[in-house]
Structure formats: structure tokens, C-alpha cells
């Protein structure tokens, strides 16, 4: 998949654990794990907005497009 999820990087930069972020955005840790591993097929804008608000970042800090031939 050419969309890379860098959520772990942002969590580390903010010194926050996954379960804390999940609690604050109202998401289960299992669903957050699916998102972090890149297995999610979609993300709601409201979820993305909540993540960005809590981590004080932009969507581009969490997601990155990489062409297939560069993987």
C-alpha cells in the first residue's frame, strides 16, 4: 500500500502511549493498532481530526504517500 502510517513516530515524539491516545479519541486500542500497522482500509476525518488535535500535528505528519516502486 503506498500510504504509510507514521503514527508511532508521532506518539514517540509526544511521549504518549497508544492506549492513552485511544482513550482520548474514543477508539479501542485494537482499532488504533489496526490503523498504526497500516491494515486499516479507511479513516474517518473526525478520527483524523481528533488524532491531530491531541498530538498537535498535521495529517501529513501521520500519513505519507510513497510510490509503489520505492517500497
N, C-alpha and C. Protein backbone atom coordinates (compact mmCIF):
# COMPACT_ATOMS: atom_id res chain seq x y z
N UNK A 1 0.85 -1.18 0.00
CA UNK A 1 0.00 0.00 0.00
C UNK A 1 0.90 1.24 0.00
N UNK A 2 0.63 2.18 -0.87
CA UNK A 2 1.51 3.36 -0.96
C UNK A 2 1.30 4.41 0.13
N UNK A 3 0.33 4.23 1.01
CA UNK A 3 0.14 5.16 2.13
C UNK A 3 0.79 4.54 3.37
N UNK A 4 1.78 5.23 3.91
CA UNK A 4 2.49 4.76 5.09
C UNK A 4 1.97 5.53 6.30
N UNK A 5 1.68 4.82 7.38
CA UNK A 5 1.18 5.43 8.60
C UNK A 5 2.35 5.60 9.58
N UNK A 6 2.62 6.83 9.95
CA UNK A 6 3.72 7.15 10.86
C UNK A 6 3.21 7.55 12.24
N UNK A 7 2.14 6.94 12.67
CA UNK A 7 1.53 7.29 13.95
C UNK A 7 2.46 6.96 15.12
N UNK A 8 3.20 5.86 15.02
CA UNK A 8 4.15 5.50 16.08
C UNK A 8 5.20 6.58 16.28
N UNK A 9 5.64 7.18 15.18
CA UNK A 9 6.66 8.24 15.25
C UNK A 9 6.12 9.44 16.01
N UNK A 10 4.88 9.84 15.69
CA UNK A 10 4.29 10.98 16.37
C UNK A 10 4.02 10.68 17.84
N UNK A 11 3.60 9.47 18.14
CA UNK A 11 3.39 9.09 19.54
C UNK A 11 4.70 9.17 20.32
N UNK A 12 5.77 8.71 19.72
CA UNK A 12 7.08 8.76 20.38
C UNK A 12 7.53 10.20 20.58
N UNK A 13 7.32 11.05 19.57
CA UNK A 13 7.71 12.46 19.69
C UNK A 13 6.93 13.16 20.80
N UNK A 14 5.69 12.76 20.99
CA UNK A 14 4.83 13.39 22.01
C UNK A 14 4.89 12.64 23.35
N UNK A 15 5.71 11.58 23.39
CA UNK A 15 5.86 10.77 24.61
C UNK A 15 4.50 10.30 25.13
N UNK A 16 3.72 9.75 24.20
CA UNK A 16 2.38 9.29 24.54
C UNK A 16 2.26 7.82 24.15
N UNK A 17 1.55 7.07 24.95
CA UNK A 17 1.32 5.65 24.66
C UNK A 17 0.07 5.49 23.82
N UNK A 18 0.03 4.41 23.08
CA UNK A 18 -1.12 4.12 22.21
C UNK A 18 -2.43 4.06 22.98
N UNK A 19 -2.40 3.40 24.14
CA UNK A 19 -3.66 3.27 24.89
C UNK A 19 -4.16 4.61 25.40
N UNK A 20 -3.26 5.55 25.70
CA UNK A 20 -3.69 6.89 26.12
C UNK A 20 -4.35 7.62 24.96
N UNK A 21 -3.75 7.54 23.78
CA UNK A 21 -4.35 8.18 22.60
C UNK A 21 -5.70 7.56 22.29
N UNK A 22 -5.78 6.24 22.35
CA UNK A 22 -7.05 5.56 22.08
C UNK A 22 -8.14 6.02 23.04
N UNK A 23 -7.81 6.12 24.32
CA UNK A 23 -8.78 6.58 25.31
C UNK A 23 -9.23 8.01 25.01
N UNK A 24 -8.28 8.87 24.66
CA UNK A 24 -8.60 10.28 24.45
C UNK A 24 -9.42 10.53 23.20
N UNK A 25 -9.27 9.68 22.16
CA UNK A 25 -10.06 9.88 20.95
C UNK A 25 -11.30 9.00 20.91
N UNK A 26 -11.47 8.14 21.92
CA UNK A 26 -12.65 7.28 21.98
C UNK A 26 -12.61 6.13 21.01
N UNK A 27 -11.44 5.56 20.84
CA UNK A 27 -11.25 4.44 19.93
C UNK A 27 -10.70 3.26 20.74
N UNK A 28 -11.04 2.06 20.34
CA UNK A 28 -10.47 0.90 21.04
C UNK A 28 -8.99 0.79 20.68
N UNK A 29 -8.22 0.19 21.59
CA UNK A 29 -6.80 0.01 21.30
C UNK A 29 -6.61 -0.95 20.13
N UNK A 30 -7.53 -1.89 19.96
CA UNK A 30 -7.44 -2.82 18.82
C UNK A 30 -7.59 -2.07 17.50
N UNK A 31 -8.55 -1.16 17.42
CA UNK A 31 -8.74 -0.39 16.18
C UNK A 31 -7.58 0.56 15.94
N UNK A 32 -7.03 1.13 17.00
CA UNK A 32 -5.88 2.01 16.84
C UNK A 32 -4.68 1.20 16.34
N UNK A 33 -4.54 -0.01 16.82
CA UNK A 33 -3.46 -0.90 16.37
C UNK A 33 -3.60 -1.21 14.88
N UNK A 34 -4.82 -1.45 14.44
CA UNK A 34 -5.07 -1.70 13.01
C UNK A 34 -4.66 -0.48 12.19
N UNK A 35 -4.97 0.69 12.68
CA UNK A 35 -4.59 1.92 11.99
C UNK A 35 -3.06 2.07 11.97
N UNK A 36 -2.42 1.86 13.11
CA UNK A 36 -0.96 2.03 13.21
C UNK A 36 -0.19 1.08 12.31
N UNK A 37 -0.70 -0.13 12.14
CA UNK A 37 0.01 -1.12 11.33
C UNK A 37 -0.27 -0.99 9.84
N UNK A 38 -1.14 -0.05 9.47
CA UNK A 38 -1.44 0.17 8.06
C UNK A 38 -2.45 -0.81 7.50
N UNK A 39 -3.12 -1.56 8.35
CA UNK A 39 -4.10 -2.55 7.89
C UNK A 39 -5.48 -1.95 7.70
N UNK A 40 -5.69 -0.72 8.16
CA UNK A 40 -6.99 -0.06 8.00
C UNK A 40 -7.20 0.31 6.54
N UNK A 41 -8.42 0.14 6.09
CA UNK A 41 -8.77 0.48 4.70
C UNK A 41 -9.21 1.93 4.57
N UNK A 42 -9.61 2.54 5.69
CA UNK A 42 -10.11 3.91 5.67
C UNK A 42 -9.97 4.51 7.06
N UNK A 43 -10.07 5.84 7.10
CA UNK A 43 -10.08 6.55 8.38
C UNK A 43 -11.08 7.70 8.24
N UNK A 44 -11.89 7.88 9.23
CA UNK A 44 -12.86 8.99 9.21
C UNK A 44 -12.13 10.30 9.45
N UNK A 45 -12.59 11.34 8.80
CA UNK A 45 -12.00 12.65 9.00
C UNK A 45 -12.11 13.07 10.47
N UNK A 46 -13.19 12.70 11.11
CA UNK A 46 -13.36 13.07 12.52
C UNK A 46 -12.30 12.38 13.39
N UNK A 47 -11.95 11.15 13.06
CA UNK A 47 -10.89 10.44 13.79
C UNK A 47 -9.54 11.08 13.52
N UNK A 48 -9.27 11.38 12.25
CA UNK A 48 -8.02 12.03 11.89
C UNK A 48 -7.89 13.39 12.57
N UNK A 49 -9.00 14.12 12.60
CA UNK A 49 -9.00 15.43 13.27
C UNK A 49 -8.70 15.29 14.76
N UNK A 50 -9.31 14.30 15.40
CA UNK A 50 -9.08 14.09 16.84
C UNK A 50 -7.63 13.71 17.11
N UNK A 51 -7.07 12.84 16.28
CA UNK A 51 -5.67 12.44 16.45
C UNK A 51 -4.76 13.66 16.29
N UNK A 52 -4.99 14.43 15.25
CA UNK A 52 -4.15 15.61 15.01
C UNK A 52 -4.29 16.64 16.13
N UNK A 53 -5.49 16.81 16.64
CA UNK A 53 -5.71 17.77 17.73
C UNK A 53 -4.96 17.34 18.99
N UNK A 54 -5.05 16.07 19.33
CA UNK A 54 -4.42 15.57 20.55
C UNK A 54 -2.90 15.55 20.41
N UNK A 55 -2.40 15.16 19.24
CA UNK A 55 -0.95 15.08 19.05
C UNK A 55 -0.34 16.40 18.57
N UNK A 56 -1.22 17.40 18.36
CA UNK A 56 -0.77 18.71 17.90
C UNK A 56 0.09 18.58 16.65
N UNK A 57 -0.51 17.99 15.60
CA UNK A 57 0.22 17.76 14.37
C UNK A 57 -0.71 17.93 13.17
N UNK A 58 -0.16 17.76 12.00
CA UNK A 58 -0.92 17.84 10.76
C UNK A 58 -1.12 16.43 10.20
N UNK A 59 -2.14 16.20 9.36
CA UNK A 59 -2.35 14.87 8.79
C UNK A 59 -1.11 14.33 8.07
N UNK A 60 -0.36 15.21 7.44
CA UNK A 60 0.86 14.80 6.74
C UNK A 60 1.96 14.32 7.68
N UNK A 61 1.84 14.65 8.95
CA UNK A 61 2.81 14.14 9.93
C UNK A 61 2.51 12.69 10.27
N UNK A 62 1.28 12.26 10.05
CA UNK A 62 0.84 10.91 10.40
C UNK A 62 0.84 9.99 9.19
N UNK A 63 0.48 10.54 8.03
CA UNK A 63 0.39 9.73 6.81
C UNK A 63 1.37 10.24 5.77
N UNK A 64 1.89 9.29 4.98
CA UNK A 64 2.88 9.63 3.96
C UNK A 64 2.59 8.80 2.72
N UNK A 65 2.64 9.43 1.55
CA UNK A 65 2.46 8.70 0.29
C UNK A 65 3.82 8.31 -0.25
N UNK A 66 3.98 7.03 -0.55
CA UNK A 66 5.22 6.51 -1.13
C UNK A 66 4.83 5.70 -2.36
N UNK A 67 5.45 6.01 -3.48
CA UNK A 67 5.14 5.29 -4.71
C UNK A 67 5.47 3.82 -4.54
N UNK A 68 4.68 2.96 -5.21
CA UNK A 68 4.85 1.50 -5.12
C UNK A 68 6.27 1.05 -5.45
N UNK A 69 6.90 1.67 -6.44
CA UNK A 69 8.22 1.22 -6.87
C UNK A 69 9.33 1.62 -5.89
N UNK A 70 9.01 2.44 -4.88
CA UNK A 70 10.01 2.84 -3.88
C UNK A 70 9.91 2.02 -2.60
N UNK A 71 8.95 1.12 -2.55
CA UNK A 71 8.79 0.28 -1.35
C UNK A 71 9.70 -0.91 -1.38
